[in-house]
Amino acid sequence: ETWFRHHKRRTLLWCCGVAFLLELSINAGVLATFQPLAVRKFGWGGGHIATVNFLSAGASILVSLGSAHARLPEWKQAFAATALYLGAVLLGTWPPLVEWRLLVALIVGLKAQVLFMAPFTAIFSQMIGGQ
């Protein structure tokens, strides 16, 4: 307990730093670049993008329900989400740019965000509360 009190602030800053880097990587590598690339390089229209967003929202519900059903400990769920973040960034940025990989990277990246935020918030709250 003494160790935690002494290192609490440092641990909280590391956790926030990791979350920041994960979000920065997925946003810079995949999410912010998806629409311009899909429209300019692959000729997608608004209907295509709306369909992907709709299907991705439906997948978010399935991911949330599956996650709740699995009842993974917070750290395991956060670790799995981190792996999805990294996988999505690699899929979306690995040359050459391919349409199907960009699409899969987008969906996996969005699902990683859904999976990561619930356990991250729980862990962060426990750390702030000192438990």
Foldseek 3Di string as FASTA:
>chain_A
DVVLVVCLVVVLVVLVVVVVVLVVLLVVQAVVCLVVCCCPVVNDDPVVVVVLVVVLVVVLVVLVVVCVVVPDQLVVLQVVLSVLSVQLSCLRHPPDHDDVSSSVSVSSNVSSVSSNPPSSVVVSVCSVVVD
